[in-house]
Amino acid sequence: MGLALANSAEFIRMKNAQNTVEQNEGINAALTELREKRERLVNILAEEETDNLEALRLTNDIDRLEGQLQDNPLFLELLEAQAAFSTVLRTINDEINACIGGETSESASCEGDCGSCGGCKH
């Protein structure tokens, strides 16, 4: 199963997107700065005497960096590729759980009324 996943279009797309992002200095600089500012904000908020102005400045910087990343098509491709691969993994996990009698993501939301059932075998 691992080899099939490694050869899937979703996995290959995700790995290609990861490689592209890793090689992009601008994205890496933004991610590093974002991580540092988030850590600094957490530290400031954990202090007894919170510096509200510094926290606000960091929050604005974080929002700006997140916006820059969201506007970058290479970064968006990575997010979309990761989401597509996660969907594949969730589907496989649901199938395995269904085969062993476990709960799938569909059956986890079962409300007991089988009128509109998607097949959880309630």
N, C-alpha and C. Protein backbone atom coordinates (compact mmCIF):
# COMPACT_ATOMS: atom_id res chain seq x y z
N MET A 1 0.83 -1.18 0.00
CA MET A 1 0.00 0.00 0.00
C MET A 1 0.88 1.25 0.00
N GLY A 2 1.98 1.20 0.73
CA GLY A 2 2.88 2.34 0.78
C GLY A 2 3.44 2.71 -0.58
N LEU A 3 3.80 1.69 -1.37
CA LEU A 3 4.31 1.96 -2.71
C LEU A 3 3.24 2.56 -3.61
N ALA A 4 2.02 2.06 -3.46
CA ALA A 4 0.92 2.62 -4.26
C ALA A 4 0.70 4.09 -3.91
N LEU A 5 0.77 4.41 -2.62
CA LEU A 5 0.63 5.81 -2.20
C LEU A 5 1.77 6.67 -2.75
N ALA A 6 2.99 6.14 -2.67
CA ALA A 6 4.15 6.89 -3.13
C ALA A 6 4.10 7.15 -4.63
N ASN A 7 3.40 6.30 -5.37
CA ASN A 7 3.28 6.46 -6.82
C ASN A 7 1.99 7.16 -7.24
N SER A 8 1.18 7.55 -6.27
CA SER A 8 -0.10 8.20 -6.60
C SER A 8 0.15 9.61 -7.13
N ALA A 9 -0.75 10.06 -7.97
CA ALA A 9 -0.65 11.41 -8.54
C ALA A 9 -0.68 12.47 -7.44
N GLU A 10 -1.48 12.23 -6.41
CA GLU A 10 -1.60 13.19 -5.31
C GLU A 10 -0.29 13.33 -4.53
N PHE A 11 0.36 12.18 -4.27
CA PHE A 11 1.62 12.22 -3.53
C PHE A 11 2.71 12.89 -4.36
N ILE A 12 2.78 12.52 -5.63
CA ILE A 12 3.79 13.10 -6.52
C ILE A 12 3.59 14.61 -6.64
N ARG A 13 2.34 15.02 -6.78
CA ARG A 13 2.03 16.46 -6.85
C ARG A 13 2.49 17.16 -5.57
N MET A 14 2.20 16.55 -4.41
CA MET A 14 2.58 17.15 -3.14
C MET A 14 4.10 17.26 -3.01
N LYS A 15 4.81 16.20 -3.36
CA LYS A 15 6.28 16.22 -3.25
C LYS A 15 6.88 17.26 -4.19
N ASN A 16 6.34 17.36 -5.41
CA ASN A 16 6.83 18.37 -6.35
C ASN A 16 6.60 19.78 -5.80
N ALA A 17 5.43 20.00 -5.23
CA ALA A 17 5.11 21.31 -4.65
C ALA A 17 6.03 21.60 -3.47
N GLN A 18 6.30 20.60 -2.63
CA GLN A 18 7.20 20.79 -1.50
C GLN A 18 8.60 21.17 -1.98
N ASN A 19 9.08 20.46 -2.99
CA ASN A 19 10.42 20.76 -3.53
C ASN A 19 10.49 22.17 -4.09
N THR A 20 9.45 22.57 -4.80
CA THR A 20 9.41 23.92 -5.37
C THR A 20 9.44 24.97 -4.28
N VAL A 21 8.65 24.77 -3.24
CA VAL A 21 8.60 25.73 -2.13
C VAL A 21 9.93 25.76 -1.39
N GLU A 22 10.53 24.59 -1.16
CA GLU A 22 11.81 24.53 -0.46
C GLU A 22 12.91 25.29 -1.20
N GLN A 23 12.82 25.34 -2.52
CA GLN A 23 13.84 26.01 -3.33
C GLN A 23 13.56 27.50 -3.52
N ASN A 24 12.43 27.97 -3.04
CA ASN A 24 12.06 29.38 -3.22
C ASN A 24 12.50 30.18 -1.99
N GLU A 25 13.51 31.02 -2.17
CA GLU A 25 14.07 31.77 -1.05
C GLU A 25 13.06 32.73 -0.44
N GLY A 26 12.23 33.35 -1.26
CA GLY A 26 11.23 34.29 -0.76
C GLY A 26 10.22 33.63 0.15
N ILE A 27 9.72 32.47 -0.26
CA ILE A 27 8.75 31.74 0.56
C ILE A 27 9.41 31.27 1.85
N ASN A 28 10.62 30.75 1.75
CA ASN A 28 11.31 30.27 2.95
C ASN A 28 11.59 31.40 3.92
N ALA A 29 11.96 32.56 3.41
CA ALA A 29 12.20 33.71 4.29
C ALA A 29 10.91 34.11 4.99
N ALA A 30 9.80 34.13 4.25
CA ALA A 30 8.51 34.50 4.84
C ALA A 30 8.09 33.47 5.89
N LEU A 31 8.28 32.19 5.61
CA LEU A 31 7.92 31.14 6.57
C LEU A 31 8.77 31.23 7.83
N THR A 32 10.05 31.50 7.67
CA THR A 32 10.94 31.63 8.83
C THR A 32 10.53 32.84 9.67
N GLU A 33 10.29 33.96 9.01
CA GLU A 33 9.87 35.17 9.73
C GLU A 33 8.53 34.94 10.43
N LEU A 34 7.61 34.27 9.75
CA LEU A 34 6.30 33.97 10.33
C LEU A 34 6.44 33.11 11.58
N ARG A 35 7.25 32.07 11.49
CA ARG A 35 7.47 31.18 12.63
C ARG A 35 8.08 31.95 13.81
N GLU A 36 9.07 32.79 13.53
CA GLU A 36 9.71 33.57 14.60
C GLU A 36 8.74 34.53 15.26
N LYS A 37 7.93 35.19 14.46
CA LYS A 37 6.96 36.16 15.01
C LYS A 37 5.87 35.45 15.82
N ARG A 38 5.45 34.29 15.37
CA ARG A 38 4.46 33.52 16.14
C ARG A 38 5.04 33.11 17.49
N GLU A 39 6.28 32.62 17.48
CA GLU A 39 6.93 32.23 18.74
C GLU A 39 7.06 33.43 19.67
N ARG A 40 7.46 34.56 19.12
CA ARG A 40 7.61 35.78 19.93
C ARG A 40 6.27 36.21 20.51
N LEU A 41 5.21 36.12 19.71
CA LEU A 41 3.87 36.49 20.19
C LEU A 41 3.43 35.58 21.32
N VAL A 42 3.66 34.29 21.18
CA VAL A 42 3.30 33.34 22.24
C VAL A 42 4.05 33.68 23.52
N ASN A 43 5.33 33.99 23.39
CA ASN A 43 6.14 34.34 24.57
C ASN A 43 5.63 35.62 25.22
N ILE A 44 5.30 36.61 24.42
CA ILE A 44 4.79 37.88 24.97
C ILE A 44 3.47 37.65 25.70
N LEU A 45 2.59 36.88 25.10
CA LEU A 45 1.29 36.63 25.72
C LEU A 45 1.40 35.79 26.99
N ALA A 46 2.50 35.05 27.14
CA ALA A 46 2.69 34.23 28.33
C ALA A 46 3.29 35.02 29.49
N GLU A 47 3.81 36.20 29.20
CA GLU A 47 4.42 37.02 30.25
C GLU A 47 3.34 37.61 31.15
N GLU A 48 3.71 37.83 32.42
CA GLU A 48 2.77 38.42 33.37
C GLU A 48 2.37 39.83 32.95
N GLU A 49 3.35 40.60 32.52
CA GLU A 49 3.11 41.98 32.07
C GLU A 49 3.16 41.97 30.54
N THR A 50 2.03 41.74 29.91
CA THR A 50 1.98 41.65 28.46
C THR A 50 2.16 43.02 27.83
N ASP A 51 3.05 43.09 26.87
CA ASP A 51 3.27 44.31 26.10
C ASP A 51 2.25 44.32 24.96
N ASN A 52 1.13 44.99 25.21
CA ASN A 52 0.03 44.97 24.24
C ASN A 52 0.40 45.58 22.90
N LEU A 53 1.21 46.63 22.92
CA LEU A 53 1.61 47.25 21.66
C LEU A 53 2.48 46.32 20.83
N GLU A 54 3.40 45.63 21.50
CA GLU A 54 4.25 44.67 20.80
C GLU A 54 3.42 43.50 20.29
N ALA A 55 2.47 43.04 21.09
CA ALA A 55 1.59 41.95 20.66
C ALA A 55 0.78 42.36 19.44
N LEU A 56 0.29 43.58 19.42
CA LEU A 56 -0.48 44.08 18.28
C LEU A 56 0.40 44.19 17.04
N ARG A 57 1.61 44.69 17.22
CA ARG A 57 2.54 44.81 16.09
C ARG A 57 2.85 43.44 15.51
N LEU A 58 3.11 42.47 16.39
CA LEU A 58 3.41 41.12 15.92
C LEU A 58 2.20 40.50 15.22
N THR A 59 1.01 40.72 15.77
CA THR A 59 -0.20 40.19 15.15
C THR A 59 -0.38 40.77 13.75
N ASN A 60 -0.13 42.06 13.60
CA ASN A 60 -0.23 42.69 12.28
C ASN A 60 0.82 42.13 11.32
N ASP A 61 2.04 41.92 11.83
CA ASP A 61 3.10 41.33 11.00
C ASP A 61 2.73 39.91 10.57
N ILE A 62 2.18 39.14 11.49
CA ILE A 62 1.77 37.77 11.19
C ILE A 62 0.69 37.77 10.11
N ASP A 63 -0.29 38.64 10.26
CA ASP A 63 -1.36 38.75 9.25
C ASP A 63 -0.79 39.12 7.89
N ARG A 64 0.15 40.06 7.87
CA ARG A 64 0.77 40.49 6.62
C ARG A 64 1.52 39.33 5.95
N LEU A 65 2.31 38.60 6.74
CA LEU A 65 3.07 37.47 6.20
C LEU A 65 2.15 36.36 5.69
N GLU A 66 1.11 36.06 6.46
CA GLU A 66 0.16 35.04 6.02
C GLU A 66 -0.51 35.46 4.71
N GLY A 67 -0.81 36.75 4.58
CA GLY A 67 -1.40 37.26 3.34
C GLY A 67 -0.45 37.13 2.17
N GLN A 68 0.83 37.43 2.40
CA GLN A 68 1.83 37.28 1.34
C GLN A 68 1.92 35.83 0.88
N LEU A 69 1.91 34.91 1.83
CA LEU A 69 1.99 33.50 1.47
C LEU A 69 0.74 33.05 0.72
N GLN A 70 -0.42 33.50 1.17
CA GLN A 70 -1.68 33.12 0.52
C GLN A 70 -1.77 33.69 -0.90
N ASP A 71 -1.06 34.77 -1.17
CA ASP A 71 -1.05 35.37 -2.50
C ASP A 71 -0.03 34.73 -3.43
N ASN A 72 0.81 33.86 -2.89
CA ASN A 72 1.86 33.24 -3.69
C ASN A 72 1.33 31.95 -4.32
N PRO A 73 1.29 31.86 -5.65
CA PRO A 73 0.73 30.67 -6.30
C PRO A 73 1.51 29.38 -5.99
N LEU A 74 2.80 29.49 -5.76
CA LEU A 74 3.58 28.29 -5.42
C LEU A 74 3.18 27.76 -4.05
N PHE A 75 2.98 28.66 -3.10
CA PHE A 75 2.57 28.25 -1.76
C PHE A 75 1.15 27.71 -1.78
N LEU A 76 0.27 28.35 -2.55
CA LEU A 76 -1.11 27.85 -2.66
C LEU A 76 -1.15 26.46 -3.28
N GLU A 77 -0.30 26.22 -4.26
CA GLU A 77 -0.24 24.89 -4.88
C GLU A 77 0.16 23.86 -3.83
N LEU A 78 1.10 24.20 -2.97
CA LEU A 78 1.51 23.28 -1.90
C LEU A 78 0.33 22.97 -0.99
N LEU A 79 -0.39 24.00 -0.56
CA LEU A 79 -1.54 23.78 0.33
C LEU A 79 -2.60 22.90 -0.34
N GLU A 80 -2.88 23.17 -1.61
CA GLU A 80 -3.88 22.39 -2.33
C GLU A 80 -3.42 20.94 -2.52
N ALA A 81 -2.14 20.76 -2.83
CA ALA A 81 -1.60 19.41 -3.01
C ALA A 81 -1.63 18.63 -1.70
N GLN A 82 -1.30 19.29 -0.59
CA GLN A 82 -1.37 18.63 0.71
C GLN A 82 -2.80 18.24 1.06
N ALA A 83 -3.74 19.11 0.76
CA ALA A 83 -5.15 18.81 1.03
C ALA A 83 -5.62 17.63 0.19
N ALA A 84 -5.21 17.58 -1.06
CA ALA A 84 -5.61 16.47 -1.94
C ALA A 84 -5.04 15.15 -1.42
N PHE A 85 -3.79 15.15 -0.97
CA PHE A 85 -3.20 13.92 -0.46
C PHE A 85 -3.85 13.52 0.87
N SER A 86 -4.18 14.49 1.70
CA SER A 86 -4.88 14.19 2.95
C SER A 86 -6.23 13.54 2.68
N THR A 87 -6.90 13.98 1.63
CA THR A 87 -8.18 13.37 1.26
C THR A 87 -7.98 11.91 0.88
N VAL A 88 -6.92 11.62 0.13
CA VAL A 88 -6.62 10.23 -0.24
C VAL A 88 -6.38 9.41 1.02
N LEU A 89 -5.58 9.92 1.94
CA LEU A 89 -5.29 9.18 3.18
C LEU A 89 -6.54 8.96 4.02
N ARG A 90 -7.40 9.97 4.10
CA ARG A 90 -8.64 9.84 4.86
C ARG A 90 -9.56 8.78 4.22
N THR A 91 -9.62 8.76 2.90
CA THR A 91 -10.43 7.77 2.19
C THR A 91 -9.91 6.36 2.45
N ILE A 92 -8.61 6.20 2.39
CA ILE A 92 -8.01 4.88 2.66
C ILE A 92 -8.28 4.47 4.10
N ASN A 93 -8.10 5.38 5.03
CA ASN A 93 -8.34 5.08 6.44
C ASN A 93 -9.80 4.69 6.68
N ASP A 94 -10.72 5.41 6.05
CA ASP A 94 -12.14 5.07 6.17
C ASP A 94 -12.42 3.67 5.64
N GLU A 95 -11.81 3.33 4.52
CA GLU A 95 -12.03 2.01 3.92
C GLU A 95 -11.48 0.91 4.84
N ILE A 96 -10.31 1.13 5.39
CA ILE A 96 -9.72 0.15 6.32
C ILE A 96 -10.61 0.01 7.54
N ASN A 97 -11.05 1.12 8.11
CA ASN A 97 -11.93 1.06 9.28
C ASN A 97 -13.24 0.36 8.98
N ALA A 98 -13.80 0.60 7.80
CA ALA A 98 -15.06 -0.06 7.43
C ALA A 98 -14.86 -1.56 7.31
N CYS A 99 -13.72 -1.98 6.80
CA CYS A 99 -13.45 -3.41 6.62
C CYS A 99 -13.24 -4.14 7.95
N ILE A 100 -12.74 -3.43 8.95
CA ILE A 100 -12.50 -4.08 10.24
C ILE A 100 -13.60 -3.78 11.24
N GLY A 101 -14.66 -3.14 10.77
CA GLY A 101 -15.80 -2.87 11.64
C GLY A 101 -15.65 -1.63 12.48
N GLY A 102 -14.67 -0.81 12.16
CA GLY A 102 -14.46 0.42 12.91
C GLY A 102 -15.33 1.54 12.38
N GLU A 103 -15.15 2.68 12.98
CA GLU A 103 -15.93 3.85 12.62
C GLU A 103 -15.23 4.62 11.51
N THR A 104 -15.99 5.01 10.49
CA THR A 104 -15.45 5.84 9.42
C THR A 104 -15.83 7.29 9.71
N SER A 105 -15.28 8.21 8.94
CA SER A 105 -15.62 9.61 9.16
C SER A 105 -17.09 9.86 8.89
N GLU A 106 -17.70 9.10 7.96
CA GLU A 106 -19.13 9.24 7.70
C GLU A 106 -19.96 8.69 8.85
N SER A 107 -19.58 7.53 9.37
CA SER A 107 -20.38 6.94 10.44
C SER A 107 -20.19 7.68 11.76
N ALA A 108 -19.09 8.41 11.89
CA ALA A 108 -18.87 9.18 13.11
C ALA A 108 -19.91 10.29 13.24
N SER A 109 -20.47 10.72 12.13
CA SER A 109 -21.47 11.78 12.18
C SER A 109 -22.89 11.22 12.13
N CYS A 110 -23.05 9.92 12.30
CA CYS A 110 -24.36 9.28 12.25
C CYS A 110 -25.23 9.78 13.39
N GLU A 111 -26.45 10.18 13.04
CA GLU A 111 -27.38 10.68 14.05
C GLU A 111 -28.47 9.67 14.38
N GLY A 112 -28.37 8.45 13.82
CA GLY A 112 -29.33 7.41 14.14
C GLY A 112 -30.51 7.33 13.19
N ASP A 113 -30.77 8.37 12.42
CA ASP A 113 -31.85 8.35 11.44
C ASP A 113 -31.28 7.90 10.11
N CYS A 114 -31.66 6.71 9.67
CA CYS A 114 -31.08 6.13 8.46
C CYS A 114 -31.78 6.60 7.18
N GLY A 115 -32.70 7.56 7.28
CA GLY A 115 -33.43 8.03 6.11
C GLY A 115 -32.54 8.63 5.05
N SER A 116 -31.50 9.32 5.45
CA SER A 116 -30.59 9.93 4.48
C SER A 116 -29.19 9.35 4.63
N CYS A 117 -29.13 8.08 4.99
CA CYS A 117 -27.86 7.43 5.31
C CYS A 117 -26.97 7.27 4.09
N GLY A 118 -25.69 7.49 4.32
CA GLY A 118 -24.69 7.28 3.28
C GLY A 118 -24.08 5.90 3.36
N GLY A 119 -24.58 5.06 4.23
CA GLY A 119 -24.10 3.69 4.29
C GLY A 119 -23.20 3.36 5.45
N CYS A 120 -23.47 3.89 6.63
CA CYS A 120 -22.61 3.61 7.78
C CYS A 120 -22.94 2.28 8.44
N LYS A 121 -23.99 1.62 8.00
CA LYS A 121 -24.41 0.31 8.54
C LYS A 121 -24.87 0.43 9.99
N HIS A 122 -25.51 1.56 10.32
CA HIS A 122 -25.98 1.84 11.68
C HIS A 122 -26.89 0.73 12.17
